[in-house]
Amino acid sequence: MLAVRWAGPLSVLLTAVFFNLAGAAVMMLVCLGITITWRARLPALLELATDLLLLVAAWSSVFLLYERLEHWDLVVHFAATAVLAELAFRALERWGRLRTPGPVTHVLVVTALGTTLALVWEYVEFAGYALVDPRVQVGYTDTMGDLAAGNAGSLVAGILGAWARHRVDPPHGTAEETD
């Protein structure tokens, strides 16, 4: 786990020295994400998956995989939004901002968080296009595809997260156990 945490700062240095400052700036955002996952004290598997996906997303940009591999952008949006939405849910829950919901509410909240994250991601992509590098992929088709992939990823994350948390049937009979 520690090696993955240190991969963020190392990635900043590598991209700044061997690639470009725009890539280094993206890697700094990855460092922020890695720090948040670490400080949120989340389950190790969720932290690891989130950190690795953030690194893959950023290095994919540096190595131009989004331009070279058809649909890679959609795969990354699906997977990254999925883990980030579940991470946001768990963080809110851990920090006392969200009571432990039933499975249906879990799915709905994770999906809503993922939809919000996907939208913010698209704003950041547009800002990157407008302010940093006009080669950043933007446009109606790209944006709609990215949003759809992010929404689908967060829905799947919500379903899997609810299943993992509620896979043992709770005792029946109290209102708190149902949505």
N, C-alpha and C. Protein backbone atom coordinates (compact mmCIF):
# COMPACT_ATOMS: atom_id res chain seq x y z
N MET A 1 0.83 -1.19 0.00
CA MET A 1 0.00 0.00 0.00
C MET A 1 0.88 1.25 0.00
N LEU A 2 1.93 1.21 0.79
CA LEU A 2 2.82 2.37 0.87
C LEU A 2 3.47 2.66 -0.48
N ALA A 3 3.81 1.61 -1.21
CA ALA A 3 4.43 1.81 -2.53
C ALA A 3 3.48 2.54 -3.48
N VAL A 4 2.20 2.21 -3.42
CA VAL A 4 1.22 2.88 -4.28
C VAL A 4 1.06 4.33 -3.85
N ARG A 5 1.07 4.58 -2.54
CA ARG A 5 0.97 5.96 -2.06
C ARG A 5 2.15 6.80 -2.54
N TRP A 6 3.34 6.22 -2.53
CA TRP A 6 4.53 6.95 -2.99
C TRP A 6 4.61 7.04 -4.50
N ALA A 7 3.84 6.24 -5.21
CA ALA A 7 3.84 6.32 -6.68
C ALA A 7 3.29 7.66 -7.17
N GLY A 8 2.44 8.29 -6.39
CA GLY A 8 1.90 9.60 -6.77
C GLY A 8 2.97 10.67 -6.86
N PRO A 9 3.69 10.95 -5.76
CA PRO A 9 4.76 11.95 -5.84
C PRO A 9 5.85 11.58 -6.84
N LEU A 10 6.18 10.31 -6.93
CA LEU A 10 7.17 9.87 -7.91
C LEU A 10 6.68 10.16 -9.33
N SER A 11 5.40 9.98 -9.57
CA SER A 11 4.82 10.27 -10.89
C SER A 11 4.90 11.75 -11.23
N VAL A 12 4.72 12.61 -10.22
CA VAL A 12 4.86 14.05 -10.45
C VAL A 12 6.27 14.36 -10.93
N LEU A 13 7.26 13.82 -10.24
CA LEU A 13 8.66 14.07 -10.61
C LEU A 13 8.97 13.52 -12.00
N LEU A 14 8.55 12.30 -12.27
CA LEU A 14 8.84 11.68 -13.57
C LEU A 14 8.21 12.45 -14.72
N THR A 15 6.96 12.85 -14.56
CA THR A 15 6.31 13.58 -15.66
C THR A 15 6.91 14.97 -15.82
N ALA A 16 7.28 15.61 -14.73
CA ALA A 16 7.89 16.95 -14.83
C ALA A 16 9.25 16.88 -15.52
N VAL A 17 10.03 15.85 -15.23
CA VAL A 17 11.38 15.74 -15.79
C VAL A 17 11.36 15.18 -17.21
N PHE A 18 10.58 14.13 -17.45
CA PHE A 18 10.67 13.42 -18.72
C PHE A 18 9.55 13.73 -19.71
N PHE A 19 8.47 14.35 -19.26
CA PHE A 19 7.35 14.60 -20.16
C PHE A 19 7.04 16.09 -20.22
N ASN A 20 6.04 16.55 -19.45
CA ASN A 20 5.69 17.97 -19.51
C ASN A 20 5.04 18.41 -18.21
N LEU A 21 4.94 19.71 -18.05
CA LEU A 21 4.37 20.25 -16.82
C LEU A 21 2.87 20.03 -16.71
N ALA A 22 2.18 19.95 -17.85
CA ALA A 22 0.74 19.66 -17.80
C ALA A 22 0.52 18.27 -17.21
N GLY A 23 1.34 17.31 -17.62
CA GLY A 23 1.26 15.97 -17.05
C GLY A 23 1.58 15.97 -15.56
N ALA A 24 2.57 16.78 -15.18
CA ALA A 24 2.92 16.88 -13.76
C ALA A 24 1.77 17.47 -12.96
N ALA A 25 1.05 18.43 -13.54
CA ALA A 25 -0.10 19.03 -12.85
C ALA A 25 -1.20 17.98 -12.64
N VAL A 26 -1.42 17.15 -13.65
CA VAL A 26 -2.40 16.06 -13.52
C VAL A 26 -1.97 15.11 -12.41
N MET A 27 -0.68 14.80 -12.36
CA MET A 27 -0.17 13.90 -11.32
C MET A 27 -0.32 14.51 -9.93
N MET A 28 -0.26 15.84 -9.83
CA MET A 28 -0.49 16.49 -8.54
C MET A 28 -1.93 16.27 -8.08
N LEU A 29 -2.86 16.28 -9.02
CA LEU A 29 -4.25 15.97 -8.66
C LEU A 29 -4.37 14.52 -8.18
N VAL A 30 -3.61 13.63 -8.81
CA VAL A 30 -3.59 12.23 -8.37
C VAL A 30 -3.06 12.15 -6.94
N CYS A 31 -2.01 12.91 -6.64
CA CYS A 31 -1.47 12.94 -5.27
C CYS A 31 -2.54 13.39 -4.28
N LEU A 32 -3.32 14.37 -4.66
CA LEU A 32 -4.41 14.82 -3.80
C LEU A 32 -5.40 13.68 -3.56
N GLY A 33 -5.77 12.98 -4.64
CA GLY A 33 -6.68 11.85 -4.51
C GLY A 33 -6.12 10.75 -3.62
N ILE A 34 -4.84 10.44 -3.79
CA ILE A 34 -4.19 9.41 -2.98
C ILE A 34 -4.17 9.83 -1.51
N THR A 35 -3.91 11.10 -1.26
CA THR A 35 -3.91 11.60 0.12
C THR A 35 -5.30 11.49 0.74
N ILE A 36 -6.32 11.82 -0.04
CA ILE A 36 -7.70 11.72 0.47
C ILE A 36 -8.04 10.27 0.80
N THR A 37 -7.69 9.33 -0.08
CA THR A 37 -8.01 7.93 0.20
C THR A 37 -7.28 7.44 1.44
N TRP A 38 -6.06 7.88 1.63
CA TRP A 38 -5.27 7.48 2.79
C TRP A 38 -5.87 8.07 4.07
N ARG A 39 -6.17 9.36 4.06
CA ARG A 39 -6.67 10.03 5.25
C ARG A 39 -8.10 9.62 5.61
N ALA A 40 -8.84 9.14 4.63
CA ALA A 40 -10.23 8.74 4.89
C ALA A 40 -10.30 7.43 5.66
N ARG A 41 -9.18 6.73 5.78
CA ARG A 41 -9.13 5.46 6.52
C ARG A 41 -10.19 4.48 6.01
N LEU A 42 -10.17 4.26 4.72
CA LEU A 42 -11.13 3.38 4.08
C LEU A 42 -10.61 1.95 4.04
N PRO A 43 -11.46 1.00 3.68
CA PRO A 43 -10.98 -0.37 3.52
C PRO A 43 -9.80 -0.41 2.55
N ALA A 44 -8.81 -1.24 2.88
CA ALA A 44 -7.56 -1.29 2.10
C ALA A 44 -7.81 -1.57 0.62
N LEU A 45 -8.72 -2.48 0.32
CA LEU A 45 -8.97 -2.83 -1.08
C LEU A 45 -9.55 -1.64 -1.85
N LEU A 46 -10.45 -0.89 -1.23
CA LEU A 46 -11.02 0.29 -1.88
C LEU A 46 -9.96 1.36 -2.08
N GLU A 47 -9.13 1.57 -1.08
CA GLU A 47 -8.04 2.55 -1.21
C GLU A 47 -7.09 2.15 -2.33
N LEU A 48 -6.70 0.90 -2.35
CA LEU A 48 -5.77 0.41 -3.38
C LEU A 48 -6.37 0.54 -4.78
N ALA A 49 -7.62 0.12 -4.94
CA ALA A 49 -8.27 0.20 -6.25
C ALA A 49 -8.38 1.65 -6.72
N THR A 50 -8.75 2.54 -5.81
CA THR A 50 -8.89 3.95 -6.17
C THR A 50 -7.55 4.55 -6.58
N ASP A 51 -6.54 4.32 -5.76
CA ASP A 51 -5.22 4.88 -6.05
C ASP A 51 -4.67 4.36 -7.37
N LEU A 52 -4.79 3.07 -7.61
CA LEU A 52 -4.28 2.50 -8.86
C LEU A 52 -5.04 3.03 -10.07
N LEU A 53 -6.35 3.15 -9.95
CA LEU A 53 -7.12 3.69 -11.08
C LEU A 53 -6.80 5.15 -11.35
N LEU A 54 -6.57 5.93 -10.31
CA LEU A 54 -6.17 7.32 -10.53
C LEU A 54 -4.82 7.39 -11.24
N LEU A 55 -3.90 6.54 -10.84
CA LEU A 55 -2.59 6.50 -11.50
C LEU A 55 -2.72 6.05 -12.95
N VAL A 56 -3.52 5.03 -13.20
CA VAL A 56 -3.74 4.55 -14.58
C VAL A 56 -4.36 5.66 -15.42
N ALA A 57 -5.35 6.35 -14.88
CA ALA A 57 -6.00 7.43 -15.63
C ALA A 57 -5.00 8.52 -16.00
N ALA A 58 -4.17 8.92 -15.05
CA ALA A 58 -3.21 9.99 -15.31
C ALA A 58 -2.11 9.55 -16.27
N TRP A 59 -1.55 8.37 -16.06
CA TRP A 59 -0.50 7.89 -16.96
C TRP A 59 -1.05 7.62 -18.36
N SER A 60 -2.32 7.26 -18.45
CA SER A 60 -2.95 7.09 -19.77
C SER A 60 -2.93 8.39 -20.55
N SER A 61 -3.09 9.49 -19.84
CA SER A 61 -3.02 10.80 -20.49
C SER A 61 -1.59 11.10 -20.94
N VAL A 62 -0.63 10.85 -20.07
CA VAL A 62 0.77 11.11 -20.40
C VAL A 62 1.21 10.30 -21.61
N PHE A 63 0.82 9.04 -21.67
CA PHE A 63 1.22 8.16 -22.78
C PHE A 63 0.25 8.20 -23.96
N LEU A 64 -0.69 9.15 -23.93
CA LEU A 64 -1.65 9.37 -25.02
C LEU A 64 -2.50 8.14 -25.33
N LEU A 65 -2.79 7.34 -24.32
CA LEU A 65 -3.61 6.14 -24.54
C LEU A 65 -5.04 6.48 -24.90
N TYR A 66 -5.52 7.64 -24.45
CA TYR A 66 -6.88 8.03 -24.80
C TYR A 66 -7.02 8.27 -26.29
N GLU A 67 -5.96 8.72 -26.92
CA GLU A 67 -5.98 8.93 -28.37
C GLU A 67 -5.66 7.65 -29.13
N ARG A 68 -4.86 6.79 -28.54
CA ARG A 68 -4.37 5.59 -29.23
C ARG A 68 -5.30 4.39 -29.12
N LEU A 69 -6.03 4.28 -28.03
CA LEU A 69 -6.89 3.12 -27.80
C LEU A 69 -8.36 3.54 -27.83
N GLU A 70 -9.06 3.02 -28.81
CA GLU A 70 -10.47 3.36 -28.94
C GLU A 70 -11.24 2.89 -27.70
N HIS A 71 -12.07 3.74 -27.18
CA HIS A 71 -12.93 3.48 -26.02
C HIS A 71 -12.18 3.39 -24.69
N TRP A 72 -10.86 3.59 -24.67
CA TRP A 72 -10.13 3.55 -23.40
C TRP A 72 -10.66 4.62 -22.45
N ASP A 73 -11.01 5.78 -22.99
CA ASP A 73 -11.56 6.87 -22.20
C ASP A 73 -12.82 6.41 -21.45
N LEU A 74 -13.68 5.67 -22.13
CA LEU A 74 -14.92 5.21 -21.50
C LEU A 74 -14.64 4.18 -20.40
N VAL A 75 -13.67 3.30 -20.65
CA VAL A 75 -13.30 2.30 -19.64
C VAL A 75 -12.79 3.00 -18.38
N VAL A 76 -11.92 3.99 -18.57
CA VAL A 76 -11.36 4.70 -17.42
C VAL A 76 -12.44 5.49 -16.69
N HIS A 77 -13.33 6.16 -17.43
CA HIS A 77 -14.42 6.90 -16.78
C HIS A 77 -15.32 5.96 -15.98
N PHE A 78 -15.65 4.82 -16.55
CA PHE A 78 -16.48 3.84 -15.86
C PHE A 78 -15.82 3.39 -14.55
N ALA A 79 -14.59 2.92 -14.65
CA ALA A 79 -13.91 2.35 -13.49
C ALA A 79 -13.56 3.40 -12.44
N ALA A 80 -13.02 4.52 -12.89
CA ALA A 80 -12.60 5.55 -11.93
C ALA A 80 -13.79 6.17 -11.21
N THR A 81 -14.86 6.44 -11.94
CA THR A 81 -16.04 7.01 -11.28
C THR A 81 -16.64 6.00 -10.31
N ALA A 82 -16.59 4.73 -10.66
CA ALA A 82 -17.11 3.69 -9.76
C ALA A 82 -16.39 3.72 -8.42
N VAL A 83 -15.07 3.65 -8.44
CA VAL A 83 -14.35 3.60 -7.17
C VAL A 83 -14.42 4.95 -6.43
N LEU A 84 -14.40 6.05 -7.17
CA LEU A 84 -14.48 7.36 -6.52
C LEU A 84 -15.84 7.58 -5.87
N ALA A 85 -16.91 7.10 -6.50
CA ALA A 85 -18.25 7.26 -5.93
C ALA A 85 -18.39 6.45 -4.64
N GLU A 86 -17.92 5.21 -4.67
CA GLU A 86 -17.98 4.38 -3.45
C GLU A 86 -17.07 4.97 -2.37
N LEU A 87 -15.92 5.49 -2.78
CA LEU A 87 -15.01 6.14 -1.84
C LEU A 87 -15.69 7.34 -1.19
N ALA A 88 -16.35 8.17 -1.98
CA ALA A 88 -17.04 9.35 -1.44
C ALA A 88 -18.13 8.92 -0.46
N PHE A 89 -18.86 7.87 -0.82
CA PHE A 89 -19.91 7.36 0.06
C PHE A 89 -19.31 6.91 1.40
N ARG A 90 -18.26 6.09 1.32
CA ARG A 90 -17.64 5.57 2.55
C ARG A 90 -17.04 6.69 3.39
N ALA A 91 -16.44 7.67 2.72
CA ALA A 91 -15.85 8.79 3.46
C ALA A 91 -16.93 9.59 4.18
N LEU A 92 -18.02 9.90 3.49
CA LEU A 92 -19.12 10.63 4.13
C LEU A 92 -19.68 9.85 5.31
N GLU A 93 -19.80 8.56 5.14
CA GLU A 93 -20.30 7.71 6.21
C GLU A 93 -19.32 7.70 7.40
N ARG A 94 -18.06 7.52 7.10
CA ARG A 94 -17.05 7.45 8.15
C ARG A 94 -16.94 8.77 8.91
N TRP A 95 -17.09 9.88 8.20
CA TRP A 95 -16.96 11.20 8.82
C TRP A 95 -18.26 11.66 9.49
N GLY A 96 -19.25 10.77 9.57
CA GLY A 96 -20.49 11.08 10.27
C GLY A 96 -21.44 11.97 9.51
N ARG A 97 -21.27 12.10 8.21
CA ARG A 97 -22.15 12.95 7.40
C ARG A 97 -23.30 12.15 6.77
N LEU A 98 -23.28 10.85 6.99
CA LEU A 98 -24.27 9.98 6.36
C LEU A 98 -24.47 8.78 7.28
N ARG A 99 -25.71 8.55 7.66
CA ARG A 99 -25.96 7.37 8.49
C ARG A 99 -25.92 6.13 7.60
N THR A 100 -25.70 4.99 8.17
CA THR A 100 -25.62 3.76 7.40
C THR A 100 -26.99 3.44 6.81
N PRO A 101 -27.11 3.50 5.48
CA PRO A 101 -28.41 3.28 4.84
C PRO A 101 -28.64 1.81 4.50
N GLY A 102 -29.86 1.52 4.11
CA GLY A 102 -30.17 0.20 3.58
C GLY A 102 -29.61 0.07 2.17
N PRO A 103 -29.77 -1.09 1.56
CA PRO A 103 -29.16 -1.33 0.25
C PRO A 103 -29.67 -0.43 -0.87
N VAL A 104 -30.96 -0.14 -0.90
CA VAL A 104 -31.49 0.69 -1.99
C VAL A 104 -30.96 2.12 -1.87
N THR A 105 -30.98 2.65 -0.66
CA THR A 105 -30.44 3.99 -0.45
C THR A 105 -28.95 4.03 -0.76
N HIS A 106 -28.25 2.98 -0.40
CA HIS A 106 -26.81 2.89 -0.71
C HIS A 106 -26.60 3.04 -2.22
N VAL A 107 -27.34 2.29 -3.00
CA VAL A 107 -27.21 2.35 -4.47
C VAL A 107 -27.54 3.76 -4.97
N LEU A 108 -28.63 4.34 -4.49
CA LEU A 108 -29.04 5.67 -4.95
C LEU A 108 -28.03 6.75 -4.59
N VAL A 109 -27.51 6.70 -3.37
CA VAL A 109 -26.55 7.73 -2.94
C VAL A 109 -25.24 7.59 -3.70
N VAL A 110 -24.74 6.37 -3.85
CA VAL A 110 -23.48 6.17 -4.60
C VAL A 110 -23.67 6.61 -6.05
N THR A 111 -24.80 6.29 -6.64
CA THR A 111 -25.05 6.71 -8.03
C THR A 111 -25.12 8.23 -8.13
N ALA A 112 -25.77 8.88 -7.18
CA ALA A 112 -25.84 10.35 -7.19
C ALA A 112 -24.46 10.96 -7.01
N LEU A 113 -23.68 10.41 -6.10
CA LEU A 113 -22.31 10.91 -5.91
C LEU A 113 -21.49 10.73 -7.18
N GLY A 114 -21.62 9.57 -7.81
CA GLY A 114 -20.88 9.31 -9.05
C GLY A 114 -21.30 10.22 -10.18
N THR A 115 -22.59 10.49 -10.28
CA THR A 115 -23.08 11.41 -11.30
C THR A 115 -22.49 12.80 -11.09
N THR A 116 -22.45 13.23 -9.85
CA THR A 116 -21.85 14.53 -9.53
C THR A 116 -20.37 14.55 -9.86
N LEU A 117 -19.66 13.49 -9.48
CA LEU A 117 -18.23 13.41 -9.78
C LEU A 117 -17.98 13.39 -11.28
N ALA A 118 -18.81 12.66 -12.03
CA ALA A 118 -18.64 12.61 -13.49
C ALA A 118 -18.83 14.00 -14.10
N LEU A 119 -19.79 14.74 -13.58
CA LEU A 119 -20.03 16.09 -14.08
C LEU A 119 -18.85 17.01 -13.77
N VAL A 120 -18.36 16.94 -12.54
CA VAL A 120 -17.20 17.75 -12.16
C VAL A 120 -15.99 17.38 -13.02
N TRP A 121 -15.80 16.08 -13.26
CA TRP A 121 -14.71 15.60 -14.10
C TRP A 121 -14.78 16.25 -15.48
N GLU A 122 -15.98 16.33 -16.04
CA GLU A 122 -16.13 16.94 -17.36
C GLU A 122 -15.83 18.44 -17.33
N TYR A 123 -16.20 19.11 -16.25
CA TYR A 123 -15.83 20.52 -16.11
C TYR A 123 -14.31 20.68 -16.07
N VAL A 124 -13.65 19.79 -15.34
CA VAL A 124 -12.18 19.84 -15.26
C VAL A 124 -11.57 19.56 -16.63
N GLU A 125 -12.12 18.59 -17.37
CA GLU A 125 -11.62 18.32 -18.72
C GLU A 125 -11.77 19.56 -19.61
N PHE A 126 -12.92 20.22 -19.51
CA PHE A 126 -13.12 21.42 -20.32
C PHE A 126 -12.15 22.53 -19.90
N ALA A 127 -11.94 22.69 -18.60
CA ALA A 127 -10.97 23.69 -18.13
C ALA A 127 -9.58 23.35 -18.65
N GLY A 128 -9.24 22.07 -18.66
CA GLY A 128 -7.95 21.66 -19.22
C GLY A 128 -7.83 22.01 -20.69
N TYR A 129 -8.91 21.81 -21.41
CA TYR A 129 -8.95 22.16 -22.84
C TYR A 129 -8.81 23.67 -23.02
N ALA A 130 -9.59 24.43 -22.27
CA ALA A 130 -9.64 25.88 -22.45
C ALA A 130 -8.41 26.60 -21.91
N LEU A 131 -7.85 26.09 -20.82
CA LEU A 131 -6.79 26.83 -20.13
C LEU A 131 -5.39 26.23 -20.27
N VAL A 132 -5.31 24.92 -20.55
CA VAL A 132 -4.00 24.27 -20.53
C VAL A 132 -3.57 23.75 -21.88
N ASP A 133 -4.40 22.90 -22.49
CA ASP A 133 -3.98 22.22 -23.71
C ASP A 133 -5.20 21.94 -24.59
N PRO A 134 -5.27 22.56 -25.76
CA PRO A 134 -6.44 22.36 -26.63
C PRO A 134 -6.54 20.94 -27.21
N ARG A 135 -5.57 20.09 -26.92
CA ARG A 135 -5.66 18.70 -27.39
C ARG A 135 -6.49 17.83 -26.46
N VAL A 136 -6.86 18.36 -25.29
CA VAL A 136 -7.72 17.61 -24.38
C VAL A 136 -9.03 17.33 -25.10
N GLN A 137 -9.48 16.08 -25.03
CA GLN A 137 -10.69 15.68 -25.75
C GLN A 137 -11.93 16.28 -25.10
N VAL A 138 -12.61 17.11 -25.86
CA VAL A 138 -13.91 17.62 -25.43
C VAL A 138 -14.81 17.62 -26.66
N GLY A 139 -16.06 17.80 -26.45
CA GLY A 139 -17.05 17.78 -27.52
C GLY A 139 -18.27 17.04 -27.04
N TYR A 140 -19.35 17.25 -27.74
CA TYR A 140 -20.62 16.65 -27.33
C TYR A 140 -20.54 15.14 -27.16
N THR A 141 -20.06 14.46 -28.18
CA THR A 141 -20.03 12.99 -28.14
C THR A 141 -19.12 12.50 -27.03
N ASP A 142 -17.95 13.09 -26.91
CA ASP A 142 -17.01 12.68 -25.86
C ASP A 142 -17.60 12.93 -24.47
N THR A 143 -18.16 14.10 -24.27
CA THR A 143 -18.72 14.44 -22.96
C THR A 143 -19.90 13.54 -22.60
N MET A 144 -20.80 13.33 -23.54
CA MET A 144 -21.96 12.48 -23.25
C MET A 144 -21.53 11.03 -22.97
N GLY A 145 -20.58 10.54 -23.73
CA GLY A 145 -20.07 9.19 -23.50
C GLY A 145 -19.40 9.07 -22.14
N ASP A 146 -18.60 10.08 -21.79
CA ASP A 146 -17.93 10.07 -20.49
C ASP A 146 -18.94 10.10 -19.34
N LEU A 147 -19.96 10.95 -19.47
CA LEU A 147 -20.99 11.03 -18.43
C LEU A 147 -21.75 9.71 -18.31
N ALA A 148 -22.10 9.12 -19.43
CA ALA A 148 -22.81 7.83 -19.40
C ALA A 148 -21.95 6.75 -18.75
N ALA A 149 -20.67 6.71 -19.11
CA ALA A 149 -19.77 5.72 -18.52
C ALA A 149 -19.62 5.95 -17.02
N GLY A 150 -19.47 7.20 -16.62
CA GLY A 150 -19.36 7.51 -15.20
C GLY A 150 -20.62 7.15 -14.43
N ASN A 151 -21.77 7.46 -15.00
CA ASN A 151 -23.04 7.11 -14.34
C ASN A 151 -23.19 5.60 -14.21
N ALA A 152 -22.88 4.89 -15.29
CA ALA A 152 -22.97 3.42 -15.25
C ALA A 152 -22.00 2.85 -14.22
N GLY A 153 -20.79 3.38 -14.18
CA GLY A 153 -19.81 2.91 -13.21
C GLY A 153 -20.26 3.13 -11.79
N SER A 154 -20.84 4.29 -11.52
CA SER A 154 -21.28 4.57 -10.15
C SER A 154 -22.49 3.71 -9.78
N LEU A 155 -23.36 3.43 -10.73
CA LEU A 155 -24.49 2.53 -10.46
C LEU A 155 -23.98 1.13 -10.11
N VAL A 156 -23.04 0.63 -10.89
CA VAL A 156 -22.46 -0.70 -10.61
C VAL A 156 -21.76 -0.68 -9.25
N ALA A 157 -21.03 0.39 -8.95
CA ALA A 157 -20.35 0.50 -7.65
C ALA A 157 -21.36 0.49 -6.51
N GLY A 158 -22.47 1.21 -6.70
CA GLY A 158 -23.50 1.23 -5.67
C GLY A 158 -24.10 -0.15 -5.43
N ILE A 159 -24.36 -0.86 -6.52
CA ILE A 159 -24.91 -2.22 -6.40
C ILE A 159 -23.92 -3.14 -5.71
N LEU A 160 -22.66 -3.11 -6.16
CA LEU A 160 -21.65 -3.98 -5.56
C LEU A 160 -21.37 -3.60 -4.10
N GLY A 161 -21.33 -2.29 -3.82
CA GLY A 161 -21.11 -1.85 -2.45
C GLY A 161 -22.24 -2.26 -1.53
N ALA A 162 -23.47 -2.11 -2.00
CA ALA A 162 -24.63 -2.52 -1.20
C ALA A 162 -24.64 -4.03 -1.00
N TRP A 163 -24.32 -4.76 -2.06
CA TRP A 163 -24.27 -6.22 -1.95
C TRP A 163 -23.21 -6.65 -0.94
N ALA A 164 -22.02 -6.05 -1.04
CA ALA A 164 -20.93 -6.42 -0.13
C ALA A 164 -21.29 -6.12 1.32
N ARG A 165 -21.96 -5.03 1.53
CA ARG A 165 -22.29 -4.62 2.89
C ARG A 165 -23.49 -5.38 3.44
N HIS A 166 -24.44 -5.74 2.59
CA HIS A 166 -25.70 -6.33 3.05
C HIS A 166 -25.88 -7.77 2.60
N ARG A 167 -24.81 -8.46 2.25
CA ARG A 167 -24.94 -9.82 1.73
C ARG A 167 -25.41 -10.82 2.77
N VAL A 168 -25.24 -10.52 4.03
CA VAL A 168 -25.78 -11.36 5.09
C VAL A 168 -27.15 -10.80 5.43
N ASP A 169 -28.17 -11.63 5.37
CA ASP A 169 -29.53 -11.16 5.65
C ASP A 169 -29.63 -10.68 7.09
N PRO A 170 -30.03 -9.41 7.28
CA PRO A 170 -30.21 -8.90 8.65
C PRO A 170 -31.50 -9.46 9.24
N PRO A 171 -31.63 -9.44 10.55
CA PRO A 171 -32.89 -9.86 11.16
C PRO A 171 -34.02 -8.94 10.70
N HIS A 172 -35.19 -9.49 10.52
CA HIS A 172 -36.32 -8.72 10.01
C HIS A 172 -37.14 -8.14 11.15
N GLY A 173 -37.85 -7.04 10.83
CA GLY A 173 -38.81 -6.55 11.79
C GLY A 173 -38.63 -5.12 12.25
N THR A 174 -37.51 -4.47 11.99
CA THR A 174 -37.37 -3.08 12.44
C THR A 174 -37.33 -2.15 11.24
N ALA A 175 -37.79 -0.95 11.44
CA ALA A 175 -37.87 0.03 10.35
C ALA A 175 -36.49 0.48 9.89
N GLU A 176 -35.49 0.45 10.77
CA GLU A 176 -34.16 0.92 10.40
C GLU A 176 -33.46 0.03 9.38
N GLU A 177 -33.91 -1.19 9.25
CA GLU A 177 -33.24 -2.13 8.36
C GLU A 177 -33.72 -2.03 6.92
N THR A 178 -34.74 -1.26 6.67
CA THR A 178 -35.29 -1.15 5.32
C THR A 178 -35.16 0.27 4.83
N ASP A 179 -35.23 0.42 3.52
CA ASP A 179 -35.14 1.77 2.93
C ASP A 179 -36.45 2.47 2.94
